[in-house]
């Protein structure tokens, strides 16, 4: 009866869904856009069946983090009642089963063992993210940037599976997607914390750390191109990010529309991915 009451209570049902359905829409983009980018760049002599299994495994493992954290109490929305715990544990069991099936199919016959190395690095990044995030709320942006190392690892994995080989391109794609994700995270933080700033001068003063990091990112991307580790036109993929940052610096102060900002950043990611694929395939 208690479970029925929960199901009939819209507020309780919404809260229960929040305990096991991931809320980080930006993180979904950082997981899936690099995956599609790596697959498109590497498309050729690999296995698309393996790529499908990897996609299922990556999505389910990422999804699993939300219900596990809500049970452990390491997130803001956490389990409070026995009914909630029961619902979340069912979700954990179901998602775990899906990920186990996908991983078994992916590694069947000791295939695709290169993914273990990528996964180990990604796992280490997520572990470090947890340590930094729990240490101090001031390090939230840093924690997200560290976590992005793990999320964007899907680009290297997808390239490896789609091309059937592991080479420098896989690593470079991973680095480029991580640098792009880092810039996005820092820009969104700037928008949130700079919403009350009225003039370009005030925003510029507040954004000095962001400007310094973006400059370092552009230098790193340029060096990859100059060293012929990436195509010469690679910096072009970061153009839209620079344009939207400049537009914000010069725009009038307005109320921050978080949903609109999210869609704009998703568009930014799509443009970046499309340019990276065109540049590398060309």
Foldseek 3Di string as FASTA:
>chain_A
DVLVVLVVDVVSVVLLCQQQADDPPLLVLLQVLLLVLLQLLQADPFDVVLSVLVVQLSVLVVSLVRNVCQDVVLDPRHDDDPSSVVSSVVSNVVSVVSNVVSVCVNCPVNPPCVVVVLQVQLVVLLVVLSVQVVPDVVCNLVSVLSNSLNSSLSSLSSSCRNNVHHDLLSVVSSVLSSLLSSLLSLVVVLCVVCLPPFALVVSCVVCVVSVVSVVVSLVVQCVCCVVVSFPNCLSVLCVVVVVVSVCVSHDGRDDDDPVVSVVVVSVSSVSSSVVRSVRSND
